[in-house]
Amino acid sequence: MITNQSTTEIQQIVFILYSAKVEEALNNESDEAKKKAFIKKRQYFDNLLHESEIQGLKAVLAKMQSSEAELDQAIESLNKVIQIIDNTVNTISILEKVTRILTRIIPII
């Protein structure tokens, strides 16, 4: 299994393998067999990095999926609280209207 540290190390290797300095050296290499061998090895590290990233994403996905039910429940609770707040705001608005009406009636009496 590839760890986060391994992924970072592989990223650094791939970065170096695709650097301008290495590309220049590769272009200046006259031995085609060495070029092919290098490109094959570089591709190996490239594939290794992609596999490592895929493993990391799969781990994140698994964590997200295991928390999905809990998240759904939290969202449902939040929606209930929002509904309660909406009801409270409506109640306060109605009380405000009643108060305005009463303040107009009381001076008349």
C-alpha atoms as a PDB file:
ATOM      1  CA  MET A   1       0.000   0.000   0.000  1.00  0.00           C
ATOM      2  CA  ILE A   2       1.233   3.441  -0.893  1.00  0.00           C
ATOM      3  CA  THR A   3       1.191   5.982   1.928  1.00  0.00           C
ATOM      4  CA  ASN A   4       0.825   9.760   1.756  1.00  0.00           C
ATOM      5  CA  GLN A   5       4.558  10.056   2.352  1.00  0.00           C
ATOM      6  CA  SER A   6       5.245   7.635  -0.501  1.00  0.00           C
ATOM      7  CA  THR A   7       2.950   9.623  -2.771  1.00  0.00           C
ATOM      8  CA  THR A   8       4.853  12.802  -1.965  1.00  0.00           C
ATOM      9  CA  GLU A   9       8.148  11.096  -2.680  1.00  0.00           C
ATOM     10  CA  ILE A  10       6.846   9.723  -5.983  1.00  0.00           C
ATOM     11  CA  GLN A  11       5.567  13.193  -6.918  1.00  0.00           C
ATOM     12  CA  GLN A  12       9.035  14.600  -6.302  1.00  0.00           C
ATOM     13  CA  ILE A  13      10.628  11.883  -8.425  1.00  0.00           C
ATOM     14  CA  VAL A  14       8.176  12.431 -11.288  1.00  0.00           C
ATOM     15  CA  PHE A  15       8.742  16.194 -11.061  1.00  0.00           C
ATOM     16  CA  ILE A  16      12.471  15.649 -11.421  1.00  0.00           C
ATOM     17  CA  LEU A  17      12.045  13.106 -14.232  1.00  0.00           C
ATOM     18  CA  TYR A  18      10.044  15.638 -16.251  1.00  0.00           C
ATOM     19  CA  SER A  19      12.244  18.624 -15.404  1.00  0.00           C
ATOM     20  CA  ALA A  20      13.790  20.734 -18.157  1.00  0.00           C
ATOM     21  CA  LYS A  21      17.290  19.591 -17.207  1.00  0.00           C
ATOM     22  CA  VAL A  22      16.379  15.906 -17.554  1.00  0.00           C
ATOM     23  CA  GLU A  23      14.472  16.557 -20.792  1.00  0.00           C
ATOM     24  CA  GLU A  24      17.505  18.314 -22.218  1.00  0.00           C
ATOM     25  CA  ALA A  25      19.784  15.437 -21.213  1.00  0.00           C
ATOM     26  CA  LEU A  26      17.321  12.980 -22.741  1.00  0.00           C
ATOM     27  CA  ASN A  27      17.213  14.927 -26.005  1.00  0.00           C
ATOM     28  CA  ASN A  28      21.016  15.034 -26.105  1.00  0.00           C
ATOM     29  CA  GLU A  29      21.319  11.272 -25.519  1.00  0.00           C
ATOM     30  CA  SER A  30      22.359   9.563 -28.727  1.00  0.00           C
ATOM     31  CA  ASP A  31      21.820   5.976 -27.561  1.00  0.00           C
ATOM     32  CA  GLU A  32      18.199   5.131 -28.495  1.00  0.00           C
ATOM     33  CA  ALA A  33      18.165   2.074 -26.210  1.00  0.00           C
ATOM     34  CA  LYS A  34      19.041   4.261 -23.208  1.00  0.00           C
ATOM     35  CA  LYS A  35      16.360   6.766 -24.209  1.00  0.00           C
ATOM     36  CA  LYS A  36      13.710   4.063 -24.470  1.00  0.00           C
ATOM     37  CA  ALA A  37      14.771   2.498 -21.173  1.00  0.00           C
ATOM     38  CA  PHE A  38      14.643   5.893 -19.451  1.00  0.00           C
ATOM     39  CA  ILE A  39      11.242   6.733 -20.914  1.00  0.00           C
ATOM     40  CA  LYS A  40       9.925   3.322 -19.863  1.00  0.00           C
ATOM     41  CA  LYS A  41      11.213   3.816 -16.297  1.00  0.00           C
ATOM     42  CA  ARG A  42       9.797   7.355 -16.188  1.00  0.00           C
ATOM     43  CA  GLN A  43       6.433   6.029 -17.344  1.00  0.00           C
ATOM     44  CA  TYR A  44       6.596   3.432 -14.562  1.00  0.00           C
ATOM     45  CA  PHE A  45       6.914   6.227 -11.973  1.00  0.00           C
ATOM     46  CA  ASP A  46       4.182   8.196 -13.706  1.00  0.00           C
ATOM     47  CA  ASN A  47       1.839   5.185 -13.488  1.00  0.00           C
ATOM     48  CA  LEU A  48       2.870   4.583  -9.886  1.00  0.00           C
ATOM     49  CA  LEU A  49       1.979   8.173  -9.044  1.00  0.00           C
ATOM     50  CA  HIS A  50      -1.417   7.861 -10.724  1.00  0.00           C
ATOM     51  CA  GLU A  51      -2.134   4.633  -8.837  1.00  0.00           C
ATOM     52  CA  SER A  52      -1.122   6.306  -5.597  1.00  0.00           C
ATOM     53  CA  GLU A  53      -3.447   9.225  -6.277  1.00  0.00           C
ATOM     54  CA  ILE A  54      -6.287   6.846  -7.127  1.00  0.00           C
ATOM     55  CA  GLN A  55      -5.738   4.984  -3.837  1.00  0.00           C
ATOM     56  CA  GLY A  56      -5.877   8.277  -1.970  1.00  0.00           C
ATOM     57  CA  LEU A  57      -9.093   9.289  -3.688  1.00  0.00           C
ATOM     58  CA  LYS A  58     -10.645   5.891  -3.003  1.00  0.00           C
ATOM     59  CA  ALA A  59      -9.802   6.285   0.689  1.00  0.00           C
ATOM     60  CA  VAL A  60     -11.415   9.726   0.767  1.00  0.00           C
ATOM     61  CA  LEU A  61     -14.480   8.351  -1.016  1.00  0.00           C
ATOM     62  CA  ALA A  62     -14.783   5.509   1.493  1.00  0.00           C
ATOM     63  CA  LYS A  63     -14.646   7.985   4.394  1.00  0.00           C
ATOM     64  CA  MET A  64     -17.236  10.177   2.727  1.00  0.00           C
ATOM     65  CA  GLN A  65     -19.555   7.243   2.082  1.00  0.00           C
ATOM     66  CA  SER A  66     -19.277   6.067   5.681  1.00  0.00           C
ATOM     67  CA  SER A  67     -20.305   9.548   6.843  1.00  0.00           C
ATOM     68  CA  GLU A  68     -23.127   9.984   4.345  1.00  0.00           C
ATOM     69  CA  ALA A  69     -25.917   8.751   6.637  1.00  0.00           C
ATOM     70  CA  GLU A  70     -24.669  10.934   9.480  1.00  0.00           C
ATOM     71  CA  LEU A  71     -24.496  13.933   7.156  1.00  0.00           C
ATOM     72  CA  ASP A  72     -28.027  13.279   5.872  1.00  0.00           C
ATOM     73  CA  GLN A  73     -29.290  13.135   9.464  1.00  0.00           C
ATOM     74  CA  ALA A  74     -27.502  16.389  10.314  1.00  0.00           C
ATOM     75  CA  ILE A  75     -29.005  18.108   7.272  1.00  0.00           C
ATOM     76  CA  GLU A  76     -32.464  16.865   8.242  1.00  0.00           C
ATOM     77  CA  SER A  77     -31.977  18.228  11.771  1.00  0.00           C
ATOM     78  CA  LEU A  78     -30.784  21.534  10.358  1.00  0.00           C
ATOM     79  CA  ASN A  79     -33.867  21.739   8.139  1.00  0.00           C
ATOM     80  CA  LYS A  80     -36.090  21.153  11.193  1.00  0.00           C
ATOM     81  CA  VAL A  81     -34.317  23.943  13.079  1.00  0.00           C
ATOM     82  CA  ILE A  82     -34.713  26.275  10.091  1.00  0.00           C
ATOM     83  CA  GLN A  83     -38.436  25.462  10.016  1.00  0.00           C
ATOM     84  CA  ILE A  84     -38.701  26.246  13.741  1.00  0.00           C
ATOM     85  CA  ILE A  85     -36.894  29.549  13.193  1.00  0.00           C
ATOM     86  CA  ASP A  86     -39.214  30.382  10.279  1.00  0.00           C
ATOM     87  CA  ASN A  87     -42.226  29.648  12.496  1.00  0.00           C
ATOM     88  CA  THR A  88     -40.767  31.831  15.238  1.00  0.00           C
ATOM     89  CA  VAL A  89     -40.197  34.700  12.804  1.00  0.00           C
ATOM     90  CA  ASN A  90     -43.768  34.353  11.536  1.00  0.00           C
ATOM     91  CA  THR A  91     -45.079  34.390  15.097  1.00  0.00           C
ATOM     92  CA  ILE A  92     -43.077  37.527  15.891  1.00  0.00           C
ATOM     93  CA  SER A  93     -44.406  39.204  12.721  1.00  0.00           C
ATOM     94  CA  ILE A  94     -47.976  38.393  13.712  1.00  0.00           C
ATOM     95  CA  LEU A  95     -47.373  39.711  17.246  1.00  0.00           C
ATOM     96  CA  GLU A  96     -45.928  42.893  15.770  1.00  0.00           C
ATOM     97  CA  LYS A  97     -49.036  43.388  13.614  1.00  0.00           C
ATOM     98  CA  VAL A  98     -51.313  42.761  16.588  1.00  0.00           C
ATOM     99  CA  THR A  99     -49.305  45.233  18.667  1.00  0.00           C
ATOM    100  CA  ARG A 100     -49.624  47.929  15.967  1.00  0.00           C
ATOM    101  CA  ILE A 101     -53.360  47.404  15.800  1.00  0.00           C
ATOM    102  CA  LEU A 102     -53.636  47.562  19.611  1.00  0.00           C
ATOM    103  CA  THR A 103     -51.566  50.766  19.758  1.00  0.00           C
ATOM    104  CA  ARG A 104     -54.009  52.376  17.296  1.00  0.00           C
ATOM    105  CA  ILE A 105     -57.021  51.183  19.299  1.00  0.00           C
ATOM    106  CA  ILE A 106     -55.742  52.135  22.768  1.00  0.00           C
ATOM    107  CA  PRO A 107     -55.400  55.898  22.083  1.00  0.00           C
ATOM    108  CA  ILE A 108     -59.016  55.926  20.893  1.00  0.00           C
ATOM    109  CA  ILE A 109     -60.302  54.577  24.228  1.00  0.00           C
END
